[in-house]
Amino acid sequence: MSPIEKGSPYGEAGAPLPAGGVVVGSDAEARAVLEAARRENRPYPPLQLTGGDLCRTLGGPAGGDVSFSVDLGEVLIDGRLCLFVAHLVARTRLWGFAFVAMNAQWLGGWNLGPRAHPGDGLLDTYSAALSAGERLQVRRRLPHGAHLPHPGIKEQRTAAISVELPRALPVVLDGSVAGVARSLALRVEPDALTVVV
């Protein structure tokens, strides 16, 4: 399959979870299932999403009968390949600096990646270094996705990117800390997964 194009239909109605599929309630659970399959050199199983940011991006939770082909994020953290279905976040404690890669539109209650699409073959990345006042302004706009454009936030839509962080920071994948890193190498694997919502 090729990545979704603007204006194209997305999702196949009446397509329940195939045999061998796994029901997951969060992005972290989805990531854990996929990481286990990769470690065991098995194909990624189809996933039924009942919660999480990727689920919300795809209009769920719904009736469990709409199937989507979605991209998968990959990142090297200290030479170790890790996966993510919805988002990667590397930030300082108070968000003074943040690097974020979005495969989904949502990060909790924030519409952080308003143009992110899980089937377009791209990651939406944001690098921000903001003052305390700027962070307050951005935070107020995040629930609606109205924080962009912003002069302190560098946006890039890309299939692959290498990033040098200002210092070693915790790297959070789909809501779980995966490690600490100073440099990151990310790429997207288009149409890597079948998910049902």
C-alpha atoms as a PDB file:
ATOM      1  CA  MET A   1       0.000   0.000   0.000  1.00  0.00           C
ATOM      2  CA  SER A   2       1.103   3.569  -0.530  1.00  0.00           C
ATOM      3  CA  PRO A   3       0.701   6.348   2.040  1.00  0.00           C
ATOM      4  CA  ILE A   4      -2.632   8.124   2.164  1.00  0.00           C
ATOM      5  CA  GLU A   5      -3.035  11.193  -0.016  1.00  0.00           C
ATOM      6  CA  LYS A   6      -4.956  14.334   0.881  1.00  0.00           C
ATOM      7  CA  GLY A   7      -8.660  13.904   0.207  1.00  0.00           C
ATOM      8  CA  SER A   8      -8.421  10.117  -0.167  1.00  0.00           C
ATOM      9  CA  PRO A   9     -10.729   7.840   1.835  1.00  0.00           C
ATOM     10  CA  TYR A  10      -9.058   6.257   4.841  1.00  0.00           C
ATOM     11  CA  GLY A  11     -10.141   3.126   6.666  1.00  0.00           C
ATOM     12  CA  GLU A  12     -12.207   0.123   5.671  1.00  0.00           C
ATOM     13  CA  ALA A  13     -15.580  -0.262   7.375  1.00  0.00           C
ATOM     14  CA  GLY A  14     -16.917  -3.703   8.215  1.00  0.00           C
ATOM     15  CA  ALA A  15     -13.440  -5.128   8.830  1.00  0.00           C
ATOM     16  CA  PRO A  16     -13.294  -6.697  12.311  1.00  0.00           C
ATOM     17  CA  LEU A  17     -10.063  -7.777  13.984  1.00  0.00           C
ATOM     18  CA  PRO A  18      -8.504 -10.608  11.964  1.00  0.00           C
ATOM     19  CA  ALA A  19      -7.567 -13.939  13.518  1.00  0.00           C
ATOM     20  CA  GLY A  20      -4.373 -13.652  15.543  1.00  0.00           C
ATOM     21  CA  GLY A  21      -5.090 -10.021  16.368  1.00  0.00           C
ATOM     22  CA  VAL A  22      -4.490  -8.506  19.801  1.00  0.00           C
ATOM     23  CA  VAL A  23      -6.792  -6.121  21.703  1.00  0.00           C
ATOM     24  CA  VAL A  24      -4.897  -3.262  23.409  1.00  0.00           C
ATOM     25  CA  GLY A  25      -6.200  -0.456  25.593  1.00  0.00           C
ATOM     26  CA  SER A  26      -3.371   2.078  25.250  1.00  0.00           C
ATOM     27  CA  ASP A  27      -0.509   3.206  23.042  1.00  0.00           C
ATOM     28  CA  ALA A  28       1.949   1.737  25.571  1.00  0.00           C
ATOM     29  CA  GLU A  29       0.228  -1.670  25.352  1.00  0.00           C
ATOM     30  CA  ALA A  30       0.333  -1.530  21.546  1.00  0.00           C
ATOM     31  CA  ARG A  31       4.033  -0.682  21.644  1.00  0.00           C
ATOM     32  CA  ALA A  32       4.740  -3.565  24.043  1.00  0.00           C
ATOM     33  CA  VAL A  33       2.980  -6.075  21.755  1.00  0.00           C
ATOM     34  CA  LEU A  34       4.925  -4.832  18.725  1.00  0.00           C
ATOM     35  CA  GLU A  35       8.270  -4.766  20.555  1.00  0.00           C
ATOM     36  CA  ALA A  36       7.695  -8.385  21.651  1.00  0.00           C
ATOM     37  CA  ALA A  37       6.901  -9.444  18.077  1.00  0.00           C
ATOM     38  CA  ARG A  38      10.046  -7.711  16.798  1.00  0.00           C
ATOM     39  CA  ARG A  39      12.240  -9.342  19.475  1.00  0.00           C
ATOM     40  CA  GLU A  40      10.816 -12.756  18.595  1.00  0.00           C
ATOM     41  CA  ASN A  41      11.207 -12.108  14.851  1.00  0.00           C
ATOM     42  CA  ARG A  42       7.443 -12.502  14.267  1.00  0.00           C
ATOM     43  CA  PRO A  43       5.249 -10.372  11.981  1.00  0.00           C
ATOM     44  CA  TYR A  44       3.426  -7.556  13.742  1.00  0.00           C
ATOM     45  CA  PRO A  45      -0.046  -8.791  14.694  1.00  0.00           C
ATOM     46  CA  PRO A  46      -3.151  -6.752  13.818  1.00  0.00           C
ATOM     47  CA  LEU A  47      -4.216  -4.614  16.778  1.00  0.00           C
ATOM     48  CA  GLN A  48      -7.641  -3.579  17.969  1.00  0.00           C
ATOM     49  CA  LEU A  49      -7.362  -0.230  19.754  1.00  0.00           C
ATOM     50  CA  THR A  50      -9.794   0.432  22.590  1.00  0.00           C
ATOM     51  CA  GLY A  51      -7.975   3.484  23.972  1.00  0.00           C
ATOM     52  CA  GLY A  52      -4.932   5.712  23.589  1.00  0.00           C
ATOM     53  CA  ASP A  53      -3.912   8.641  21.428  1.00  0.00           C
ATOM     54  CA  LEU A  54      -3.655   6.682  18.169  1.00  0.00           C
ATOM     55  CA  CYS A  55      -7.148   5.314  18.806  1.00  0.00           C
ATOM     56  CA  ARG A  56      -8.488   8.836  19.381  1.00  0.00           C
ATOM     57  CA  THR A  57      -6.757  10.105  16.228  1.00  0.00           C
ATOM     58  CA  LEU A  58      -8.533   7.383  14.226  1.00  0.00           C
ATOM     59  CA  GLY A  59     -11.941   8.351  15.644  1.00  0.00           C
ATOM     60  CA  GLY A  60     -12.160   5.696  18.334  1.00  0.00           C
ATOM     61  CA  PRO A  61     -12.967   4.000  20.421  1.00  0.00           C
ATOM     62  CA  ALA A  62     -15.708   2.867  18.086  1.00  0.00           C
ATOM     63  CA  GLY A  63     -17.365  -0.447  17.329  1.00  0.00           C
ATOM     64  CA  GLY A  64     -14.208  -2.387  16.498  1.00  0.00           C
ATOM     65  CA  ASP A  65     -15.049  -2.843  12.833  1.00  0.00           C
ATOM     66  CA  VAL A  66     -13.091  -0.130  10.975  1.00  0.00           C
ATOM     67  CA  SER A  67      -9.649  -1.224   9.812  1.00  0.00           C
ATOM     68  CA  PHE A  68      -6.737   1.112   9.064  1.00  0.00           C
ATOM     69  CA  SER A  69      -3.261   0.643   7.674  1.00  0.00           C
ATOM     70  CA  VAL A  70      -0.988   2.822   9.830  1.00  0.00           C
ATOM     71  CA  ASP A  71       2.641   3.855   9.974  1.00  0.00           C
ATOM     72  CA  LEU A  72       5.053   2.870  12.726  1.00  0.00           C
ATOM     73  CA  GLY A  73       7.723   5.121  14.225  1.00  0.00           C
ATOM     74  CA  GLU A  74      11.218   3.761  14.846  1.00  0.00           C
ATOM     75  CA  VAL A  75      13.996   5.410  16.864  1.00  0.00           C
ATOM     76  CA  LEU A  76      17.540   4.526  17.825  1.00  0.00           C
ATOM     77  CA  ILE A  77      18.173   5.244  21.523  1.00  0.00           C
ATOM     78  CA  ASP A  78      21.803   4.596  22.429  1.00  0.00           C
ATOM     79  CA  GLY A  79      22.064   2.190  19.500  1.00  0.00           C
ATOM     80  CA  ARG A  80      18.920   0.286  20.542  1.00  0.00           C
ATOM     81  CA  LEU A  81      16.003   0.198  18.096  1.00  0.00           C
ATOM     82  CA  CYS A  82      12.678   1.107  19.708  1.00  0.00           C
ATOM     83  CA  LEU A  83       9.193   1.469  18.251  1.00  0.00           C
ATOM     84  CA  PHE A  84       6.326   3.888  18.828  1.00  0.00           C
ATOM     85  CA  VAL A  85       2.789   3.979  17.471  1.00  0.00           C
ATOM     86  CA  ALA A  86       1.636   7.455  18.545  1.00  0.00           C
ATOM     87  CA  HIS A  87       4.459   9.736  19.716  1.00  0.00           C
ATOM     88  CA  LEU A  88       7.981  10.310  20.978  1.00  0.00           C
ATOM     89  CA  VAL A  89       8.709  13.043  23.522  1.00  0.00           C
ATOM     90  CA  ALA A  90      12.144  14.175  24.757  1.00  0.00           C
ATOM     91  CA  ARG A  91      11.893  17.232  27.014  1.00  0.00           C
ATOM     92  CA  THR A  92      13.209  19.060  30.023  1.00  0.00           C
ATOM     93  CA  ARG A  93      11.181  18.848  33.229  1.00  0.00           C
ATOM     94  CA  LEU A  94       9.218  22.086  32.678  1.00  0.00           C
ATOM     95  CA  TRP A  95       9.065  21.862  28.857  1.00  0.00           C
ATOM     96  CA  GLY A  96      11.659  24.654  28.385  1.00  0.00           C
ATOM     97  CA  PHE A  97      13.073  22.492  25.619  1.00  0.00           C
ATOM     98  CA  ALA A  98      11.161  19.748  23.852  1.00  0.00           C
ATOM     99  CA  PHE A  99      11.545  17.572  20.798  1.00  0.00           C
ATOM    100  CA  VAL A 100       8.392  15.717  19.801  1.00  0.00           C
ATOM    101  CA  ALA A 101       7.647  13.336  16.918  1.00  0.00           C
ATOM    102  CA  MET A 102       3.981  12.662  16.260  1.00  0.00           C
ATOM    103  CA  ASN A 103       2.461   9.778  14.317  1.00  0.00           C
ATOM    104  CA  ALA A 104      -0.897  10.529  15.975  1.00  0.00           C
ATOM    105  CA  GLN A 105      -2.634  13.868  16.375  1.00  0.00           C
ATOM    106  CA  TRP A 106      -3.148  13.699  20.156  1.00  0.00           C
ATOM    107  CA  LEU A 107      -0.881  13.617  23.200  1.00  0.00           C
ATOM    108  CA  GLY A 108      -3.355  13.157  26.043  1.00  0.00           C
ATOM    109  CA  GLY A 109      -5.662  16.171  26.038  1.00  0.00           C
ATOM    110  CA  TRP A 110      -3.376  18.146  23.731  1.00  0.00           C
ATOM    111  CA  ASN A 111      -3.913  18.383  19.987  1.00  0.00           C
ATOM    112  CA  LEU A 112      -0.123  18.576  19.697  1.00  0.00           C
ATOM    113  CA  GLY A 113       0.147  17.352  16.090  1.00  0.00           C
ATOM    114  CA  PRO A 114      -2.875  18.947  14.417  1.00  0.00           C
ATOM    115  CA  ARG A 115      -1.684  17.930  10.929  1.00  0.00           C
ATOM    116  CA  ALA A 116      -0.236  14.541  11.921  1.00  0.00           C
ATOM    117  CA  HIS A 117      -1.762  11.576  10.107  1.00  0.00           C
ATOM    118  CA  PRO A 118      -0.909   7.964  10.985  1.00  0.00           C
ATOM    119  CA  GLY A 119      -1.128   6.845   7.354  1.00  0.00           C
ATOM    120  CA  ASP A 120       0.774   9.521   5.430  1.00  0.00           C
ATOM    121  CA  GLY A 121       4.262   7.983   5.586  1.00  0.00           C
ATOM    122  CA  LEU A 122       5.593  10.940   7.611  1.00  0.00           C
ATOM    123  CA  LEU A 123       6.319  11.928  11.195  1.00  0.00           C
ATOM    124  CA  ASP A 124       5.354  15.431  12.278  1.00  0.00           C
ATOM    125  CA  THR A 125       8.286  16.712  14.354  1.00  0.00           C
ATOM    126  CA  TYR A 126       8.490  19.770  16.566  1.00  0.00           C
ATOM    127  CA  SER A 127      11.536  21.235  18.271  1.00  0.00           C
ATOM    128  CA  ALA A 128      10.839  24.008  20.774  1.00  0.00           C
ATOM    129  CA  ALA A 129      12.886  26.178  23.096  1.00  0.00           C
ATOM    130  CA  LEU A 130      10.418  28.485  24.846  1.00  0.00           C
ATOM    131  CA  SER A 131      10.500  30.993  27.673  1.00  0.00           C
ATOM    132  CA  ALA A 132       8.157  30.526  30.636  1.00  0.00           C
ATOM    133  CA  GLY A 133       5.730  33.113  29.217  1.00  0.00           C
ATOM    134  CA  GLU A 134       5.745  31.491  25.789  1.00  0.00           C
ATOM    135  CA  ARG A 135       5.102  28.069  27.340  1.00  0.00           C
ATOM    136  CA  LEU A 136       1.987  29.405  29.101  1.00  0.00           C
ATOM    137  CA  GLN A 137       0.657  30.866  25.835  1.00  0.00           C
ATOM    138  CA  VAL A 138       1.332  27.645  23.927  1.00  0.00           C
ATOM    139  CA  ARG A 139      -0.156  25.458  26.677  1.00  0.00           C
ATOM    140  CA  ARG A 140      -3.457  27.392  26.541  1.00  0.00           C
ATOM    141  CA  ARG A 141      -3.702  26.720  22.788  1.00  0.00           C
ATOM    142  CA  LEU A 142      -2.661  23.052  22.800  1.00  0.00           C
ATOM    143  CA  PRO A 143      -6.103  21.493  23.433  1.00  0.00           C
ATOM    144  CA  HIS A 144      -7.368  23.064  20.201  1.00  0.00           C
ATOM    145  CA  GLY A 145      -4.229  22.623  18.072  1.00  0.00           C
ATOM    146  CA  ALA A 146      -3.982  26.410  17.736  1.00  0.00           C
ATOM    147  CA  HIS A 147      -0.388  26.640  19.024  1.00  0.00           C
ATOM    148  CA  LEU A 148       1.061  26.522  15.494  1.00  0.00           C
ATOM    149  CA  PRO A 149       2.659  28.281  13.780  1.00  0.00           C
ATOM    150  CA  HIS A 150       4.884  29.708  16.514  1.00  0.00           C
ATOM    151  CA  PRO A 151       8.282  31.405  16.067  1.00  0.00           C
ATOM    152  CA  GLY A 152       9.781  29.312  18.887  1.00  0.00           C
ATOM    153  CA  ILE A 153       8.587  25.968  17.486  1.00  0.00           C
ATOM    154  CA  LYS A 154      10.362  24.473  14.480  1.00  0.00           C
ATOM    155  CA  GLU A 155       8.057  22.143  12.526  1.00  0.00           C
ATOM    156  CA  GLN A 156       9.124  19.481  10.070  1.00  0.00           C
ATOM    157  CA  ARG A 157       7.189  16.697   8.336  1.00  0.00           C
ATOM    158  CA  THR A 158       9.644  13.978   7.425  1.00  0.00           C
ATOM    159  CA  ALA A 159      10.138  10.265   6.815  1.00  0.00           C
ATOM    160  CA  ALA A 160      13.488  10.320   8.674  1.00  0.00           C
ATOM    161  CA  ILE A 161      15.392  12.733  10.907  1.00  0.00           C
ATOM    162  CA  SER A 162      18.461  12.801  13.164  1.00  0.00           C
ATOM    163  CA  VAL A 163      18.357  15.092  16.187  1.00  0.00           C
ATOM    164  CA  GLU A 164      20.970  16.304  18.657  1.00  0.00           C
ATOM    165  CA  LEU A 165      19.355  17.244  21.965  1.00  0.00           C
ATOM    166  CA  PRO A 166      20.894  20.010  24.111  1.00  0.00           C
ATOM    167  CA  ARG A 167      21.713  17.408  26.788  1.00  0.00           C
ATOM    168  CA  ALA A 168      20.809  13.826  27.635  1.00  0.00           C
ATOM    169  CA  LEU A 169      17.042  13.697  28.183  1.00  0.00           C
ATOM    170  CA  PRO A 170      14.509  10.981  28.991  1.00  0.00           C
ATOM    171  CA  VAL A 171      12.864   9.660  25.822  1.00  0.00           C
ATOM    172  CA  VAL A 172       9.192   8.812  26.288  1.00  0.00           C
ATOM    173  CA  LEU A 173       7.605   6.534  23.694  1.00  0.00           C
ATOM    174  CA  ASP A 174       3.820   6.223  23.756  1.00  0.00           C
ATOM    175  CA  GLY A 175       3.744   7.364  27.392  1.00  0.00           C
ATOM    176  CA  SER A 176       6.550   5.138  28.746  1.00  0.00           C
ATOM    177  CA  VAL A 177      10.193   6.089  29.328  1.00  0.00           C
ATOM    178  CA  ALA A 178      12.324   4.030  26.930  1.00  0.00           C
ATOM    179  CA  GLY A 179      15.730   5.420  27.907  1.00  0.00           C
ATOM    180  CA  VAL A 180      17.887   8.519  28.106  1.00  0.00           C
ATOM    181  CA  ALA A 181      19.641   9.930  25.038  1.00  0.00           C
ATOM    182  CA  ARG A 182      21.517  12.934  23.688  1.00  0.00           C
ATOM    183  CA  SER A 183      21.025  12.014  20.022  1.00  0.00           C
ATOM    184  CA  LEU A 184      18.113  10.392  18.243  1.00  0.00           C
ATOM    185  CA  ALA A 185      17.729   8.874  14.774  1.00  0.00           C
ATOM    186  CA  LEU A 186      14.095   8.470  13.759  1.00  0.00           C
ATOM    187  CA  ARG A 187      12.320   7.067  10.757  1.00  0.00           C
ATOM    188  CA  VAL A 188       8.830   5.980   9.828  1.00  0.00           C
ATOM    189  CA  GLU A 189       7.863   2.593   8.431  1.00  0.00           C
ATOM    190  CA  PRO A 190       4.855   3.330   6.220  1.00  0.00           C
ATOM    191  CA  ASP A 191       1.822   1.045   6.387  1.00  0.00           C
ATOM    192  CA  ALA A 192       3.565  -1.226   8.882  1.00  0.00           C
ATOM    193  CA  LEU A 193       0.481  -2.104  10.934  1.00  0.00           C
ATOM    194  CA  THR A 194      -3.149  -3.025  10.622  1.00  0.00           C
ATOM    195  CA  VAL A 195      -5.251  -1.551  13.394  1.00  0.00           C
ATOM    196  CA  VAL A 196      -8.963  -1.824  14.049  1.00  0.00           C
ATOM    197  CA  VAL A 197     -10.974   0.797  15.889  1.00  0.00           C
END
